[in-house]
Amino acid sequence: VEAAGKMLDECVMELKPAKVIFALGAEEAQREDFNLKKFIDQYEWR
């Protein structure tokens, strides 16, 4: 989710989509130091 913030221009904005599906979180779910609040805050910002 954090890295996606740096990818939004190339992944989403340039395409001018009608719909966007976010399917992020699989990487974070595997981390031992996973912080749910930080994850949700970053996701909300995206």
ModelCIF file with pLDDT and N, C-alpha, C, O atoms, coordinates in Angstrom:
data_MODEL
#
_entry.id   MODEL 
#
_entity.id                         1 
_entity.type                       polymer 
_entity.pdbx_number_of_molecules   1 
#
_entity_poly.entity_id                      1 
_entity_poly.type                           'polypeptide(L)' 
_entity_poly.nstd_linkage                   no 
_entity_poly.nstd_monomer                   no 
_entity_poly.pdbx_seq_one_letter_code       VEAAGKMLDECVMELKPAKVIFALGAEEAQREDFNLKKFIDQYEWR 
_entity_poly.pdbx_seq_one_letter_code_can   VEAAGKMLDECVMELKPAKVIFALGAEEAQREDFNLKKFIDQYEWR 
_entity_poly.pdbx_strand_id                 A 
#
loop_
_entity_poly_seq.entity_id 
_entity_poly_seq.num 
_entity_poly_seq.mon_id 
_entity_poly_seq.hetero 
1 1  VAL n 
1 2  GLU n 
1 3  ALA n 
1 4  ALA n 
1 5  GLY n 
1 6  LYS n 
1 7  MET n 
1 8  LEU n 
1 9  ASP n 
1 10 GLU n 
1 11 CYS n 
1 12 VAL n 
1 13 MET n 
1 14 GLU n 
1 15 LEU n 
1 16 LYS n 
1 17 PRO n 
1 18 ALA n 
1 19 LYS n 
1 20 VAL n 
1 21 ILE n 
1 22 PHE n 
1 23 ALA n 
1 24 LEU n 
1 25 GLY n 
1 26 ALA n 
1 27 GLU n 
1 28 GLU n 
1 29 ALA n 
1 30 GLN n 
1 31 ARG n 
1 32 GLU n 
1 33 ASP n 
1 34 PHE n 
1 35 ASN n 
1 36 LEU n 
1 37 LYS n 
1 38 LYS n 
1 39 PHE n 
1 40 ILE n 
1 41 ASP n 
1 42 GLN n 
1 43 TYR n 
1 44 GLU n 
1 45 TRP n 
1 46 ARG n 
#
_struct_asym.id          A 
_struct_asym.entity_id   1 
#
loop_
_ma_qa_metric.id 
_ma_qa_metric.mode 
_ma_qa_metric.name 
_ma_qa_metric.software_group_id 
_ma_qa_metric.type 
1 global pLDDT . pLDDT 
2 local  pLDDT . pLDDT 
#
_ma_qa_metric_global.metric_id      1 
_ma_qa_metric_global.metric_value   93.54 
_ma_qa_metric_global.model_id       1 
_ma_qa_metric_global.ordinal_id     1 
#
loop_
_ma_qa_metric_local.label_asym_id 
_ma_qa_metric_local.label_comp_id 
_ma_qa_metric_local.label_seq_id 
_ma_qa_metric_local.metric_id 
_ma_qa_metric_local.metric_value 
_ma_qa_metric_local.model_id 
_ma_qa_metric_local.ordinal_id 
A VAL 1  2 95.00 1 1  
A GLU 2  2 94.00 1 2  
A ALA 3  2 93.00 1 3  
A ALA 4  2 94.00 1 4  
A GLY 5  2 91.00 1 5  
A LYS 6  2 90.00 1 6  
A MET 7  2 90.00 1 7  
A LEU 8  2 92.00 1 8  
A ASP 9  2 88.00 1 9  
A GLU 10 2 84.00 1 10 
A CYS 11 2 84.00 1 11 
A VAL 12 2 92.00 1 12 
A MET 13 2 94.00 1 13 
A GLU 14 2 94.00 1 14 
A LEU 15 2 95.00 1 15 
A LYS 16 2 95.00 1 16 
A PRO 17 2 96.00 1 17 
A ALA 18 2 96.00 1 18 
A LYS 19 2 96.00 1 19 
A VAL 20 2 96.00 1 20 
A ILE 21 2 95.00 1 21 
A PHE 22 2 97.00 1 22 
A ALA 23 2 96.00 1 23 
A LEU 24 2 96.00 1 24 
A GLY 25 2 94.00 1 25 
A ALA 26 2 91.00 1 26 
A GLU 27 2 92.00 1 27 
A GLU 28 2 93.00 1 28 
A ALA 29 2 91.00 1 29 
A GLN 30 2 89.00 1 30 
A ARG 31 2 90.00 1 31 
A GLU 32 2 89.00 1 32 
A ASP 33 2 92.00 1 33 
A PHE 34 2 92.00 1 34 
A ASN 35 2 95.00 1 35 
A LEU 36 2 96.00 1 36 
A LYS 37 2 97.00 1 37 
A LYS 38 2 96.00 1 38 
A PHE 39 2 96.00 1 39 
A ILE 40 2 97.00 1 40 
A ASP 41 2 97.00 1 41 
A GLN 42 2 97.00 1 42 
A TYR 43 2 97.00 1 43 
A GLU 44 2 97.00 1 44 
A TRP 45 2 96.00 1 45 
A ARG 46 2 96.00 1 46 
#
loop_
_atom_site.group_PDB 
_atom_site.id 
_atom_site.type_symbol 
_atom_site.label_atom_id 
_atom_site.label_alt_id 
_atom_site.label_comp_id 
_atom_site.label_asym_id 
_atom_site.label_entity_id 
_atom_site.label_seq_id 
_atom_site.pdbx_PDB_ins_code 
_atom_site.Cartn_x 
_atom_site.Cartn_y 
_atom_site.Cartn_z 
_atom_site.occupancy 
_atom_site.B_iso_or_equiv 
_atom_site.pdbx_formal_charge 
_atom_site.auth_seq_id 
_atom_site.auth_comp_id 
_atom_site.auth_asym_id 
_atom_site.auth_atom_id 
_atom_site.pdbx_PDB_model_num 
ATOM 1   N N  . VAL A 1 1  ? 0.846   -1.193  0.000   1.00 95.00 ? 1  VAL A N  1 
ATOM 2   C CA . VAL A 1 1  ? 0.000   0.000   0.000   1.00 95.00 ? 1  VAL A CA 1 
ATOM 3   C C  . VAL A 1 1  ? 0.883   1.245   0.000   1.00 95.00 ? 1  VAL A C  1 
ATOM 4   O O  . VAL A 1 1  ? 0.593   2.218   -0.695  1.00 95.00 ? 1  VAL A O  1 
ATOM 5   N N  . GLU A 1 2  ? 1.946   1.209   0.771   1.00 94.00 ? 2  GLU A N  1 
ATOM 6   C CA . GLU A 1 2  ? 2.862   2.357   0.823   1.00 94.00 ? 2  GLU A CA 1 
ATOM 7   C C  . GLU A 1 2  ? 3.482   2.623   -0.548  1.00 94.00 ? 2  GLU A C  1 
ATOM 8   O O  . GLU A 1 2  ? 3.481   3.762   -1.014  1.00 94.00 ? 2  GLU A O  1 
ATOM 9   N N  . ALA A 1 3  ? 4.006   1.593   -1.193  1.00 93.00 ? 3  ALA A N  1 
ATOM 10  C CA . ALA A 1 3  ? 4.636   1.759   -2.502  1.00 93.00 ? 3  ALA A CA 1 
ATOM 11  C C  . ALA A 1 3  ? 3.616   2.134   -3.568  1.00 93.00 ? 3  ALA A C  1 
ATOM 12  O O  . ALA A 1 3  ? 3.965   2.809   -4.536  1.00 93.00 ? 3  ALA A O  1 
ATOM 13  N N  . ALA A 1 4  ? 2.379   1.719   -3.414  1.00 94.00 ? 4  ALA A N  1 
ATOM 14  C CA . ALA A 1 4  ? 1.329   2.042   -4.392  1.00 94.00 ? 4  ALA A CA 1 
ATOM 15  C C  . ALA A 1 4  ? 1.142   3.551   -4.511  1.00 94.00 ? 4  ALA A C  1 
ATOM 16  O O  . ALA A 1 4  ? 0.777   4.052   -5.575  1.00 94.00 ? 4  ALA A O  1 
ATOM 17  N N  . GLY A 1 5  ? 1.387   4.268   -3.434  1.00 91.00 ? 5  GLY A N  1 
ATOM 18  C CA . GLY A 1 5  ? 1.259   5.717   -3.477  1.00 91.00 ? 5  GLY A CA 1 
ATOM 19  C C  . GLY A 1 5  ? 2.169   6.351   -4.506  1.00 91.00 ? 5  GLY A C  1 
ATOM 20  O O  . GLY A 1 5  ? 1.820   7.365   -5.110  1.00 91.00 ? 5  GLY A O  1 
ATOM 21  N N  . LYS A 1 6  ? 3.331   5.762   -4.708  1.00 90.00 ? 6  LYS A N  1 
ATOM 22  C CA . LYS A 1 6  ? 4.287   6.278   -5.685  1.00 90.00 ? 6  LYS A CA 1 
ATOM 23  C C  . LYS A 1 6  ? 3.980   5.780   -7.093  1.00 90.00 ? 6  LYS A C  1 
ATOM 24  O O  . LYS A 1 6  ? 4.596   6.224   -8.062  1.00 90.00 ? 6  LYS A O  1 
ATOM 25  N N  . MET A 1 7  ? 3.026   4.859   -7.203  1.00 90.00 ? 7  MET A N  1 
ATOM 26  C CA . MET A 1 7  ? 2.696   4.260   -8.489  1.00 90.00 ? 7  MET A CA 1 
ATOM 27  C C  . MET A 1 7  ? 1.376   4.775   -9.065  1.00 90.00 ? 7  MET A C  1 
ATOM 28  O O  . MET A 1 7  ? 1.047   4.467   -10.211 1.00 90.00 ? 7  MET A O  1 
ATOM 29  N N  . LEU A 1 8  ? 0.629   5.538   -8.306  1.00 92.00 ? 8  LEU A N  1 
ATOM 30  C CA . LEU A 1 8  ? -0.722  5.916   -8.729  1.00 92.00 ? 8  LEU A CA 1 
ATOM 31  C C  . LEU A 1 8  ? -0.762  6.670   -10.055 1.00 92.00 ? 8  LEU A C  1 
ATOM 32  O O  . LEU A 1 8  ? -1.659  6.440   -10.866 1.00 92.00 ? 8  LEU A O  1 
ATOM 33  N N  . ASP A 1 9  ? 0.190   7.561   -10.287 1.00 88.00 ? 9  ASP A N  1 
ATOM 34  C CA . ASP A 1 9  ? 0.189   8.294   -11.556 1.00 88.00 ? 9  ASP A CA 1 
ATOM 35  C C  . ASP A 1 9  ? 0.279   7.337   -12.735 1.00 88.00 ? 9  ASP A C  1 
ATOM 36  O O  . ASP A 1 9  ? -0.501  7.442   -13.682 1.00 88.00 ? 9  ASP A O  1 
ATOM 37  N N  . GLU A 1 10 ? 1.229   6.401   -12.683 1.00 84.00 ? 10 GLU A N  1 
ATOM 38  C CA . GLU A 1 10 ? 1.443   5.473   -13.788 1.00 84.00 ? 10 GLU A CA 1 
ATOM 39  C C  . GLU A 1 10 ? 0.420   4.339   -13.803 1.00 84.00 ? 10 GLU A C  1 
ATOM 40  O O  . GLU A 1 10 ? 0.085   3.827   -14.871 1.00 84.00 ? 10 GLU A O  1 
ATOM 41  N N  . CYS A 1 11 ? -0.076  3.945   -12.641 1.00 84.00 ? 11 CYS A N  1 
ATOM 42  C CA . CYS A 1 11 ? -1.008  2.814   -12.571 1.00 84.00 ? 11 CYS A CA 1 
ATOM 43  C C  . CYS A 1 11 ? -2.456  3.220   -12.797 1.00 84.00 ? 11 CYS A C  1 
ATOM 44  O O  . CYS A 1 11 ? -3.232  2.447   -13.359 1.00 84.00 ? 11 CYS A O  1 
ATOM 45  N N  . VAL A 1 12 ? -2.831  4.415   -12.369 1.00 92.00 ? 12 VAL A N  1 
ATOM 46  C CA . VAL A 1 12 ? -4.238  4.791   -12.382 1.00 92.00 ? 12 VAL A CA 1 
ATOM 47  C C  . VAL A 1 12 ? -4.493  6.105   -13.112 1.00 92.00 ? 12 VAL A C  1 
ATOM 48  O O  . VAL A 1 12 ? -5.235  6.129   -14.094 1.00 92.00 ? 12 VAL A O  1 
ATOM 49  N N  . MET A 1 13 ? -3.902  7.175   -12.659 1.00 94.00 ? 13 MET A N  1 
ATOM 50  C CA . MET A 1 13 ? -4.250  8.515   -13.126 1.00 94.00 ? 13 MET A CA 1 
ATOM 51  C C  . MET A 1 13 ? -4.122  8.680   -14.643 1.00 94.00 ? 13 MET A C  1 
ATOM 52  O O  . MET A 1 13 ? -5.004  9.259   -15.277 1.00 94.00 ? 13 MET A O  1 
ATOM 53  N N  . GLU A 1 14 ? -3.045  8.180   -15.220 1.00 94.00 ? 14 GLU A N  1 
ATOM 54  C CA . GLU A 1 14 ? -2.834  8.326   -16.661 1.00 94.00 ? 14 GLU A CA 1 
ATOM 55  C C  . GLU A 1 14 ? -3.938  7.653   -17.475 1.00 94.00 ? 14 GLU A C  1 
ATOM 56  O O  . GLU A 1 14 ? -4.203  8.051   -18.610 1.00 94.00 ? 14 GLU A O  1 
ATOM 57  N N  . LEU A 1 15 ? -4.572  6.650   -16.909 1.00 95.00 ? 15 LEU A N  1 
ATOM 58  C CA . LEU A 1 15 ? -5.581  5.881   -17.636 1.00 95.00 ? 15 LEU A CA 1 
ATOM 59  C C  . LEU A 1 15 ? -6.966  6.516   -17.612 1.00 95.00 ? 15 LEU A C  1 
ATOM 60  O O  . LEU A 1 15 ? -7.833  6.135   -18.399 1.00 95.00 ? 15 LEU A O  1 
ATOM 61  N N  . LYS A 1 16 ? -7.185  7.481   -16.719 1.00 95.00 ? 16 LYS A N  1 
ATOM 62  C CA . LYS A 1 16 ? -8.491  8.142   -16.600 1.00 95.00 ? 16 LYS A CA 1 
ATOM 63  C C  . LYS A 1 16 ? -9.635  7.121   -16.568 1.00 95.00 ? 16 LYS A C  1 
ATOM 64  O O  . LYS A 1 16 ? -10.545 7.164   -17.396 1.00 95.00 ? 16 LYS A O  1 
ATOM 65  N N  . PRO A 1 17 ? -9.568  6.200   -15.592 1.00 96.00 ? 17 PRO A N  1 
ATOM 66  C CA . PRO A 1 17 ? -10.548 5.110   -15.559 1.00 96.00 ? 17 PRO A CA 1 
ATOM 67  C C  . PRO A 1 17 ? -11.914 5.532   -15.033 1.00 96.00 ? 17 PRO A C  1 
ATOM 68  O O  . PRO A 1 17 ? -12.051 6.551   -14.355 1.00 96.00 ? 17 PRO A O  1 
ATOM 69  N N  . ALA A 1 18 ? -12.911 4.732   -15.357 1.00 96.00 ? 18 ALA A N  1 
ATOM 70  C CA . ALA A 1 18 ? -14.246 4.890   -14.792 1.00 96.00 ? 18 ALA A CA 1 
ATOM 71  C C  . ALA A 1 18 ? -14.345 4.122   -13.476 1.00 96.00 ? 18 ALA A C  1 
ATOM 72  O O  . ALA A 1 18 ? -15.117 4.484   -12.588 1.00 96.00 ? 18 ALA A O  1 
ATOM 73  N N  . LYS A 1 19 ? -13.543 3.045   -13.365 1.00 96.00 ? 19 LYS A N  1 
ATOM 74  C CA . LYS A 1 19 ? -13.549 2.212   -12.168 1.00 96.00 ? 19 LYS A CA 1 
ATOM 75  C C  . LYS A 1 19 ? -12.126 1.791   -11.830 1.00 96.00 ? 19 LYS A C  1 
ATOM 76  O O  . LYS A 1 19 ? -11.313 1.510   -12.711 1.00 96.00 ? 19 LYS A O  1 
ATOM 77  N N  . VAL A 1 20 ? -11.847 1.754   -10.523 1.00 96.00 ? 20 VAL A N  1 
ATOM 78  C CA . VAL A 1 20 ? -10.552 1.281   -10.033 1.00 96.00 ? 20 VAL A CA 1 
ATOM 79  C C  . VAL A 1 20 ? -10.816 0.228   -8.969  1.00 96.00 ? 20 VAL A C  1 
ATOM 80  O O  . VAL A 1 20 ? -11.630 0.425   -8.066  1.00 96.00 ? 20 VAL A O  1 
ATOM 81  N N  . ILE A 1 21 ? -10.125 -0.880  -9.089  1.00 95.00 ? 21 ILE A N  1 
ATOM 82  C CA . ILE A 1 21 ? -10.220 -1.941  -8.091  1.00 95.00 ? 21 ILE A CA 1 
ATOM 83  C C  . ILE A 1 21 ? -8.878  -2.027  -7.387  1.00 95.00 ? 21 ILE A C  1 
ATOM 84  O O  . ILE A 1 21 ? -7.857  -2.308  -8.014  1.00 95.00 ? 21 ILE A O  1 
ATOM 85  N N  . PHE A 1 22 ? -8.882  -1.786  -6.085  1.00 97.00 ? 22 PHE A N  1 
ATOM 86  C CA . PHE A 1 22 ? -7.670  -1.937  -5.277  1.00 97.00 ? 22 PHE A CA 1 
ATOM 87  C C  . PHE A 1 22 ? -7.684  -3.325  -4.652  1.00 97.00 ? 22 PHE A C  1 
ATOM 88  O O  . PHE A 1 22 ? -8.652  -3.708  -3.996  1.00 97.00 ? 22 PHE A O  1 
ATOM 89  N N  . ALA A 1 23 ? -6.619  -4.067  -4.855  1.00 96.00 ? 23 ALA A N  1 
ATOM 90  C CA . ALA A 1 23 ? -6.468  -5.402  -4.286  1.00 96.00 ? 23 ALA A CA 1 
ATOM 91  C C  . ALA A 1 23 ? -5.095  -5.480  -3.622  1.00 96.00 ? 23 ALA A C  1 
ATOM 92  O O  . ALA A 1 23 ? -4.243  -6.283  -3.999  1.00 96.00 ? 23 ALA A O  1 
ATOM 93  N N  . LEU A 1 24 ? -4.913  -4.631  -2.636  1.00 96.00 ? 24 LEU A N  1 
ATOM 94  C CA . LEU A 1 24 ? -3.630  -4.532  -1.939  1.00 96.00 ? 24 LEU A CA 1 
ATOM 95  C C  . LEU A 1 24 ? -3.739  -5.108  -0.535  1.00 96.00 ? 24 LEU A C  1 
ATOM 96  O O  . LEU A 1 24 ? -4.831  -5.200  0.025   1.00 96.00 ? 24 LEU A O  1 
ATOM 97  N N  . GLY A 1 25 ? -2.601  -5.493  0.026   1.00 94.00 ? 25 GLY A N  1 
ATOM 98  C CA . GLY A 1 25 ? -2.552  -5.953  1.399   1.00 94.00 ? 25 GLY A CA 1 
ATOM 99  C C  . GLY A 1 25 ? -1.946  -7.333  1.575   1.00 94.00 ? 25 GLY A C  1 
ATOM 100 O O  . GLY A 1 25 ? -1.602  -7.712  2.695   1.00 94.00 ? 25 GLY A O  1 
ATOM 101 N N  . ALA A 1 26 ? -1.806  -8.088  0.501   1.00 91.00 ? 26 ALA A N  1 
ATOM 102 C CA . ALA A 1 26 ? -1.242  -9.432  0.607   1.00 91.00 ? 26 ALA A CA 1 
ATOM 103 C C  . ALA A 1 26 ? 0.196   -9.394  1.116   1.00 91.00 ? 26 ALA A C  1 
ATOM 104 O O  . ALA A 1 26 ? 0.615   -10.257 1.887   1.00 91.00 ? 26 ALA A O  1 
ATOM 105 N N  . GLU A 1 27 ? 0.940   -8.395  0.682   1.00 92.00 ? 27 GLU A N  1 
ATOM 106 C CA . GLU A 1 27 ? 2.335   -8.278  1.120   1.00 92.00 ? 27 GLU A CA 1 
ATOM 107 C C  . GLU A 1 27 ? 2.404   -7.955  2.616   1.00 92.00 ? 27 GLU A C  1 
ATOM 108 O O  . GLU A 1 27 ? 3.178   -8.556  3.362   1.00 92.00 ? 27 GLU A O  1 
ATOM 109 N N  . GLU A 1 28 ? 1.583   -7.001  3.032   1.00 93.00 ? 28 GLU A N  1 
ATOM 110 C CA . GLU A 1 28 ? 1.581   -6.592  4.442   1.00 93.00 ? 28 GLU A CA 1 
ATOM 111 C C  . GLU A 1 28 ? 1.115   -7.723  5.349   1.00 93.00 ? 28 GLU A C  1 
ATOM 112 O O  . GLU A 1 28 ? 1.620   -7.874  6.461   1.00 93.00 ? 28 GLU A O  1 
ATOM 113 N N  . ALA A 1 29 ? 0.160   -8.514  4.883   1.00 91.00 ? 29 ALA A N  1 
ATOM 114 C CA . ALA A 1 29 ? -0.391  -9.600  5.702   1.00 91.00 ? 29 ALA A CA 1 
ATOM 115 C C  . ALA A 1 29 ? 0.677   -10.617 6.100   1.00 91.00 ? 29 ALA A C  1 
ATOM 116 O O  . ALA A 1 29 ? 0.546   -11.289 7.123   1.00 91.00 ? 29 ALA A O  1 
ATOM 117 N N  . GLN A 1 30 ? 1.715   -10.728 5.306   1.00 89.00 ? 30 GLN A N  1 
ATOM 118 C CA . GLN A 1 30 ? 2.779   -11.696 5.568   1.00 89.00 ? 30 GLN A CA 1 
ATOM 119 C C  . GLN A 1 30 ? 3.859   -11.182 6.524   1.00 89.00 ? 30 GLN A C  1 
ATOM 120 O O  . GLN A 1 30 ? 4.710   -11.949 6.974   1.00 89.00 ? 30 GLN A O  1 
ATOM 121 N N  . ARG A 1 31 ? 3.821   -9.897  6.827   1.00 90.00 ? 31 ARG A N  1 
ATOM 122 C CA . ARG A 1 31 ? 4.876   -9.299  7.662   1.00 90.00 ? 31 ARG A CA 1 
ATOM 123 C C  . ARG A 1 31 ? 4.633   -9.555  9.143   1.00 90.00 ? 31 ARG A C  1 
ATOM 124 O O  . ARG A 1 31 ? 3.504   -9.486  9.630   1.00 90.00 ? 31 ARG A O  1 
ATOM 125 N N  . GLU A 1 32 ? 5.709   -9.847  9.835   1.00 89.00 ? 32 GLU A N  1 
ATOM 126 C CA . GLU A 1 32 ? 5.628   -10.045 11.285  1.00 89.00 ? 32 GLU A CA 1 
ATOM 127 C C  . GLU A 1 32 ? 5.367   -8.738  12.015  1.00 89.00 ? 32 GLU A C  1 
ATOM 128 O O  . GLU A 1 32 ? 4.753   -8.733  13.082  1.00 89.00 ? 32 GLU A O  1 
ATOM 129 N N  . ASP A 1 33 ? 5.830   -7.629  11.445  1.00 92.00 ? 33 ASP A N  1 
ATOM 130 C CA . ASP A 1 33 ? 5.676   -6.322  12.087  1.00 92.00 ? 33 ASP A CA 1 
ATOM 131 C C  . ASP A 1 33 ? 4.447   -5.569  11.554  1.00 92.00 ? 33 ASP A C  1 
ATOM 132 O O  . ASP A 1 33 ? 4.409   -4.340  11.601  1.00 92.00 ? 33 ASP A O  1 
ATOM 133 N N  . PHE A 1 34 ? 3.458   -6.292  11.052  1.00 92.00 ? 34 PHE A N  1 
ATOM 134 C CA . PHE A 1 34 ? 2.267   -5.684  10.473  1.00 92.00 ? 34 PHE A CA 1 
ATOM 135 C C  . PHE A 1 34 ? 1.543   -4.817  11.500  1.00 92.00 ? 34 PHE A C  1 
ATOM 136 O O  . PHE A 1 34 ? 1.301   -5.239  12.631  1.00 92.00 ? 34 PHE A O  1 
ATOM 137 N N  . ASN A 1 35 ? 1.201   -3.593  11.082  1.00 95.00 ? 35 ASN A N  1 
ATOM 138 C CA . ASN A 1 35 ? 0.477   -2.646  11.929  1.00 95.00 ? 35 ASN A CA 1 
ATOM 139 C C  . ASN A 1 35 ? -0.829  -2.289  11.212  1.00 95.00 ? 35 ASN A C  1 
ATOM 140 O O  . ASN A 1 35 ? -0.812  -1.570  10.213  1.00 95.00 ? 35 ASN A O  1 
ATOM 141 N N  . LEU A 1 36 ? -1.942  -2.781  11.712  1.00 96.00 ? 36 LEU A N  1 
ATOM 142 C CA . LEU A 1 36 ? -3.229  -2.610  11.048  1.00 96.00 ? 36 LEU A CA 1 
ATOM 143 C C  . LEU A 1 36 ? -3.624  -1.149  10.926  1.00 96.00 ? 36 LEU A C  1 
ATOM 144 O O  . LEU A 1 36 ? -4.118  -0.741  9.875   1.00 96.00 ? 36 LEU A O  1 
ATOM 145 N N  . LYS A 1 37 ? -3.425  -0.353  11.956  1.00 97.00 ? 37 LYS A N  1 
ATOM 146 C CA . LYS A 1 37 ? -3.809  1.056   11.897  1.00 97.00 ? 37 LYS A CA 1 
ATOM 147 C C  . LYS A 1 37 ? -3.019  1.793   10.818  1.00 97.00 ? 37 LYS A C  1 
ATOM 148 O O  . LYS A 1 37 ? -3.593  2.543   10.028  1.00 97.00 ? 37 LYS A O  1 
ATOM 149 N N  . LYS A 1 38 ? -1.717  1.582   10.785  1.00 96.00 ? 38 LYS A N  1 
ATOM 150 C CA . LYS A 1 38 ? -0.880  2.229   9.770   1.00 96.00 ? 38 LYS A CA 1 
ATOM 151 C C  . LYS A 1 38 ? -1.312  1.791   8.368   1.00 96.00 ? 38 LYS A C  1 
ATOM 152 O O  . LYS A 1 38 ? -1.399  2.612   7.455   1.00 96.00 ? 38 LYS A O  1 
ATOM 153 N N  . PHE A 1 39 ? -1.578  0.512   8.208   1.00 96.00 ? 39 PHE A N  1 
ATOM 154 C CA . PHE A 1 39 ? -2.017  -0.032  6.924   1.00 96.00 ? 39 PHE A CA 1 
ATOM 155 C C  . PHE A 1 39 ? -3.314  0.628   6.464   1.00 96.00 ? 39 PHE A C  1 
ATOM 156 O O  . PHE A 1 39 ? -3.412  1.065   5.317   1.00 96.00 ? 39 PHE A O  1 
ATOM 157 N N  . ILE A 1 40 ? -4.301  0.704   7.340   1.00 97.00 ? 40 ILE A N  1 
ATOM 158 C CA . ILE A 1 40 ? -5.600  1.297   6.997   1.00 97.00 ? 40 ILE A CA 1 
ATOM 159 C C  . ILE A 1 40 ? -5.448  2.789   6.714   1.00 97.00 ? 40 ILE A C  1 
ATOM 160 O O  . ILE A 1 40 ? -6.079  3.311   5.795   1.00 97.00 ? 40 ILE A O  1 
ATOM 161 N N  . ASP A 1 41 ? -4.623  3.476   7.491   1.00 97.00 ? 41 ASP A N  1 
ATOM 162 C CA . ASP A 1 41 ? -4.387  4.905   7.244   1.00 97.00 ? 41 ASP A CA 1 
ATOM 163 C C  . ASP A 1 41 ? -3.779  5.122   5.851   1.00 97.00 ? 41 ASP A C  1 
ATOM 164 O O  . ASP A 1 41 ? -4.202  6.023   5.126   1.00 97.00 ? 41 ASP A O  1 
ATOM 165 N N  . GLN A 1 42 ? -2.803  4.311   5.480   1.00 97.00 ? 42 GLN A N  1 
ATOM 166 C CA . GLN A 1 42 ? -2.175  4.426   4.156   1.00 97.00 ? 42 GLN A CA 1 
ATOM 167 C C  . GLN A 1 42 ? -3.174  4.078   3.059   1.00 97.00 ? 42 GLN A C  1 
ATOM 168 O O  . GLN A 1 42 ? -3.225  4.747   2.027   1.00 97.00 ? 42 GLN A O  1 
ATOM 169 N N  . TYR A 1 43 ? -3.953  3.050   3.276   1.00 97.00 ? 43 TYR A N  1 
ATOM 170 C CA . TYR A 1 43 ? -4.950  2.633   2.292   1.00 97.00 ? 43 TYR A CA 1 
ATOM 171 C C  . TYR A 1 43 ? -5.984  3.738   2.089   1.00 97.00 ? 43 TYR A C  1 
ATOM 172 O O  . TYR A 1 43 ? -6.374  4.036   0.961   1.00 97.00 ? 43 TYR A O  1 
ATOM 173 N N  . GLU A 1 44 ? -6.420  4.339   3.193   1.00 97.00 ? 44 GLU A N  1 
ATOM 174 C CA . GLU A 1 44 ? -7.396  5.424   3.110   1.00 97.00 ? 44 GLU A CA 1 
ATOM 175 C C  . GLU A 1 44 ? -6.836  6.593   2.301   1.00 97.00 ? 44 GLU A C  1 
ATOM 176 O O  . GLU A 1 44 ? -7.559  7.214   1.522   1.00 97.00 ? 44 GLU A O  1 
ATOM 177 N N  . TRP A 1 45 ? -5.573  6.887   2.480   1.00 96.00 ? 45 TRP A N  1 
ATOM 178 C CA . TRP A 1 45 ? -4.965  7.990   1.736   1.00 96.00 ? 45 TRP A CA 1 
ATOM 179 C C  . TRP A 1 45 ? -4.917  7.670   0.238   1.00 96.00 ? 45 TRP A C  1 
ATOM 180 O O  . TRP A 1 45 ? -5.131  8.556   -0.589  1.00 96.00 ? 45 TRP A O  1 
ATOM 181 N N  . ARG A 1 46 ? -4.639  6.413   -0.114  1.00 96.00 ? 46 ARG A N  1 
ATOM 182 C CA . ARG A 1 46 ? -4.629  6.026   -1.535  1.00 96.00 ? 46 ARG A CA 1 
ATOM 183 C C  . ARG A 1 46 ? -6.032  6.197   -2.127  1.00 96.00 ? 46 ARG A C  1 
ATOM 184 O O  . ARG A 1 46 ? -6.241  5.925   -3.309  1.00 96.00 ? 46 ARG A O  1 
#
